[in-house]
Amino acid sequence: MELSDQSKDFCRQAMETEVSNVAYYLAVAAAASNKVVGAIFKRIAKHESEHLSLISKMCGMEKPALPEEKALESAAEH
């Protein structure tokens, strides 16, 4: 199925959001003050990565690499 330009743009925007989410949750997991909180955020990152894989596959686009991103100090404290 051929995607319209608007649909391709929606897919690109969704992938950008998912990439940001994965990087953020991994950074929070790494900065977590205990193993349970770290494991929770690591699992959420895995789900976001699965969303990214699905969107890229269904839209026929290459899955983008994940950027390095540091967690916000206030988020890491939770």
N, C-alpha and C. Protein backbone atom coordinates (compact mmCIF):
# COMPACT_ATOMS: atom_id res chain seq x y z
N MET A 1 0.84 -1.17 0.00
CA MET A 1 0.00 0.00 0.00
C MET A 1 0.89 1.24 0.00
N GLU A 2 0.57 2.17 -0.85
CA GLU A 2 1.32 3.43 -0.94
C GLU A 2 0.76 4.42 0.08
N LEU A 3 1.66 5.04 0.84
CA LEU A 3 1.24 6.04 1.82
C LEU A 3 1.26 7.43 1.21
N SER A 4 0.29 8.22 1.61
CA SER A 4 0.27 9.62 1.17
C SER A 4 1.42 10.36 1.86
N ASP A 5 1.76 11.52 1.34
CA ASP A 5 2.80 12.33 1.96
C ASP A 5 2.44 12.68 3.40
N GLN A 6 1.16 12.97 3.65
CA GLN A 6 0.72 13.30 5.01
C GLN A 6 0.89 12.10 5.94
N SER A 7 0.54 10.91 5.46
CA SER A 7 0.70 9.70 6.28
C SER A 7 2.17 9.44 6.57
N LYS A 8 3.03 9.63 5.58
CA LYS A 8 4.47 9.45 5.80
C LYS A 8 4.97 10.44 6.84
N ASP A 9 4.47 11.67 6.78
CA ASP A 9 4.86 12.68 7.76
C ASP A 9 4.39 12.28 9.16
N PHE A 10 3.17 11.77 9.27
CA PHE A 10 2.68 11.30 10.56
C PHE A 10 3.57 10.18 11.11
N CYS A 11 3.97 9.27 10.24
CA CYS A 11 4.84 8.16 10.65
C CYS A 11 6.19 8.68 11.12
N ARG A 12 6.77 9.62 10.39
CA ARG A 12 8.05 10.20 10.79
C ARG A 12 7.94 10.88 12.15
N GLN A 13 6.87 11.63 12.35
CA GLN A 13 6.67 12.31 13.64
C GLN A 13 6.49 11.30 14.77
N ALA A 14 5.75 10.25 14.51
CA ALA A 14 5.54 9.22 15.53
C ALA A 14 6.86 8.53 15.87
N MET A 15 7.68 8.26 14.85
CA MET A 15 8.98 7.63 15.11
C MET A 15 9.90 8.54 15.90
N GLU A 16 9.87 9.83 15.61
CA GLU A 16 10.68 10.78 16.38
C GLU A 16 10.26 10.78 17.85
N THR A 17 8.96 10.73 18.08
CA THR A 17 8.45 10.69 19.45
C THR A 17 8.89 9.41 20.15
N GLU A 18 8.77 8.28 19.47
CA GLU A 18 9.17 7.00 20.07
C GLU A 18 10.67 6.97 20.37
N VAL A 19 11.50 7.48 19.47
CA VAL A 19 12.94 7.52 19.69
C VAL A 19 13.25 8.32 20.95
N SER A 20 12.61 9.46 21.07
CA SER A 20 12.81 10.31 22.24
C SER A 20 12.35 9.59 23.51
N ASN A 21 11.22 8.92 23.44
CA ASN A 21 10.70 8.20 24.60
C ASN A 21 11.65 7.09 25.04
N VAL A 22 12.13 6.29 24.10
CA VAL A 22 13.05 5.19 24.43
C VAL A 22 14.30 5.74 25.11
N ALA A 23 14.89 6.75 24.51
CA ALA A 23 16.12 7.32 25.07
C ALA A 23 15.87 7.88 26.47
N TYR A 24 14.76 8.55 26.65
CA TYR A 24 14.44 9.14 27.96
C TYR A 24 14.25 8.04 29.02
N TYR A 25 13.43 7.04 28.71
CA TYR A 25 13.17 5.99 29.69
C TYR A 25 14.43 5.20 30.04
N LEU A 26 15.30 4.96 29.07
CA LEU A 26 16.56 4.28 29.37
C LEU A 26 17.44 5.13 30.27
N ALA A 27 17.45 6.43 30.03
CA ALA A 27 18.25 7.32 30.87
C ALA A 27 17.70 7.36 32.29
N VAL A 28 16.39 7.40 32.42
CA VAL A 28 15.78 7.39 33.75
C VAL A 28 16.07 6.06 34.45
N ALA A 29 15.98 4.96 33.71
CA ALA A 29 16.28 3.64 34.29
C ALA A 29 17.71 3.60 34.82
N ALA A 30 18.64 4.16 34.06
CA ALA A 30 20.04 4.15 34.47
C ALA A 30 20.28 5.04 35.69
N ALA A 31 19.47 6.09 35.83
CA ALA A 31 19.65 7.04 36.93
C ALA A 31 18.79 6.71 38.15
N ALA A 32 17.97 5.68 38.05
CA ALA A 32 17.04 5.35 39.13
C ALA A 32 17.79 5.02 40.42
N SER A 33 17.18 5.37 41.53
CA SER A 33 17.83 5.18 42.83
C SER A 33 17.70 3.75 43.35
N ASN A 34 16.84 2.93 42.74
CA ASN A 34 16.76 1.53 43.15
C ASN A 34 16.46 0.64 41.95
N LYS A 35 16.70 -0.66 42.12
CA LYS A 35 16.57 -1.61 41.02
C LYS A 35 15.14 -1.77 40.52
N VAL A 36 14.18 -1.68 41.40
CA VAL A 36 12.78 -1.86 40.99
C VAL A 36 12.35 -0.73 40.06
N VAL A 37 12.64 0.51 40.45
CA VAL A 37 12.29 1.64 39.60
C VAL A 37 13.05 1.56 38.28
N GLY A 38 14.32 1.20 38.33
CA GLY A 38 15.10 1.04 37.11
C GLY A 38 14.51 0.00 36.18
N ALA A 39 14.07 -1.12 36.76
CA ALA A 39 13.48 -2.20 35.95
C ALA A 39 12.16 -1.76 35.31
N ILE A 40 11.38 -0.99 36.05
CA ILE A 40 10.11 -0.49 35.51
C ILE A 40 10.37 0.37 34.28
N PHE A 41 11.29 1.32 34.40
CA PHE A 41 11.55 2.22 33.28
C PHE A 41 12.25 1.50 32.13
N LYS A 42 13.05 0.51 32.43
CA LYS A 42 13.69 -0.27 31.36
C LYS A 42 12.63 -1.03 30.56
N ARG A 43 11.64 -1.55 31.26
CA ARG A 43 10.55 -2.27 30.59
C ARG A 43 9.71 -1.33 29.73
N ILE A 44 9.45 -0.13 30.25
CA ILE A 44 8.70 0.86 29.47
C ILE A 44 9.48 1.21 28.21
N ALA A 45 10.81 1.36 28.33
CA ALA A 45 11.65 1.65 27.16
C ALA A 45 11.53 0.54 26.12
N LYS A 46 11.45 -0.71 26.59
CA LYS A 46 11.31 -1.84 25.66
C LYS A 46 9.99 -1.75 24.89
N HIS A 47 8.93 -1.39 25.58
CA HIS A 47 7.63 -1.24 24.92
C HIS A 47 7.68 -0.12 23.87
N GLU A 48 8.29 0.99 24.23
CA GLU A 48 8.41 2.11 23.28
C GLU A 48 9.24 1.70 22.07
N SER A 49 10.29 0.91 22.30
CA SER A 49 11.13 0.42 21.20
C SER A 49 10.32 -0.50 20.28
N GLU A 50 9.44 -1.29 20.87
CA GLU A 50 8.57 -2.15 20.06
C GLU A 50 7.62 -1.31 19.21
N HIS A 51 7.12 -0.22 19.78
CA HIS A 51 6.26 0.69 19.00
C HIS A 51 7.05 1.25 17.82
N LEU A 52 8.28 1.67 18.08
CA LEU A 52 9.14 2.22 17.03
C LEU A 52 9.37 1.20 15.93
N SER A 53 9.66 -0.03 16.30
CA SER A 53 9.87 -1.09 15.31
C SER A 53 8.63 -1.33 14.47
N LEU A 54 7.48 -1.35 15.11
CA LEU A 54 6.22 -1.59 14.40
C LEU A 54 5.91 -0.46 13.42
N ILE A 55 6.05 0.77 13.88
CA ILE A 55 5.77 1.92 13.00
C ILE A 55 6.70 1.91 11.80
N SER A 56 7.99 1.72 12.05
CA SER A 56 8.95 1.75 10.94
C SER A 56 8.69 0.61 9.95
N LYS A 57 8.36 -0.57 10.46
CA LYS A 57 8.09 -1.71 9.59
C LYS A 57 6.82 -1.48 8.76
N MET A 58 5.76 -1.04 9.41
CA MET A 58 4.49 -0.86 8.71
C MET A 58 4.54 0.28 7.69
N CYS A 59 5.39 1.27 7.95
CA CYS A 59 5.50 2.41 7.03
C CYS A 59 6.61 2.22 6.01
N GLY A 60 7.34 1.11 6.10
CA GLY A 60 8.41 0.84 5.16
C GLY A 60 9.58 1.80 5.30
N MET A 61 9.82 2.25 6.52
CA MET A 61 10.91 3.18 6.78
C MET A 61 11.96 2.51 7.66
N GLU A 62 13.18 2.96 7.54
CA GLU A 62 14.25 2.41 8.35
C GLU A 62 14.10 2.87 9.80
N LYS A 63 14.29 1.94 10.73
CA LYS A 63 14.21 2.28 12.15
C LYS A 63 15.39 3.17 12.52
N PRO A 64 15.13 4.35 13.05
CA PRO A 64 16.23 5.26 13.39
C PRO A 64 17.01 4.79 14.60
N ALA A 65 18.26 5.22 14.67
CA ALA A 65 19.10 4.91 15.82
C ALA A 65 18.65 5.72 17.02
N LEU A 66 18.89 5.19 18.19
CA LEU A 66 18.53 5.89 19.41
C LEU A 66 19.63 6.86 19.81
N PRO A 67 19.26 8.11 20.12
CA PRO A 67 20.26 9.09 20.53
C PRO A 67 20.65 8.92 21.99
N GLU A 68 21.77 9.49 22.37
CA GLU A 68 22.15 9.56 23.77
C GLU A 68 21.32 10.68 24.38
N GLU A 69 20.69 10.40 25.49
CA GLU A 69 19.88 11.43 26.14
C GLU A 69 19.98 11.24 27.64
N LYS A 70 20.19 12.33 28.35
CA LYS A 70 20.28 12.25 29.80
C LYS A 70 18.92 12.53 30.42
N ALA A 71 18.64 11.80 31.50
CA ALA A 71 17.38 12.02 32.21
C ALA A 71 17.41 13.34 32.94
N LEU A 72 16.26 13.93 33.07
CA LEU A 72 16.15 15.13 33.88
C LEU A 72 16.38 14.75 35.34
N GLU A 73 17.08 15.57 36.07
CA GLU A 73 17.35 15.27 37.47
C GLU A 73 16.07 15.05 38.26
N SER A 74 15.06 15.86 38.03
CA SER A 74 13.81 15.72 38.79
C SER A 74 13.13 14.38 38.48
N ALA A 75 13.22 13.92 37.25
CA ALA A 75 12.60 12.64 36.90
C ALA A 75 13.38 11.48 37.49
N ALA A 76 14.69 11.60 37.52
CA ALA A 76 15.53 10.52 38.05
C ALA A 76 15.34 10.36 39.56
N GLU A 77 14.89 11.38 40.22
CA GLU A 77 14.71 11.31 41.68
C GLU A 77 13.45 10.53 42.06
N HIS A 78 12.53 10.33 41.14
CA HIS A 78 11.26 9.65 41.47
C HIS A 78 11.44 8.20 41.62
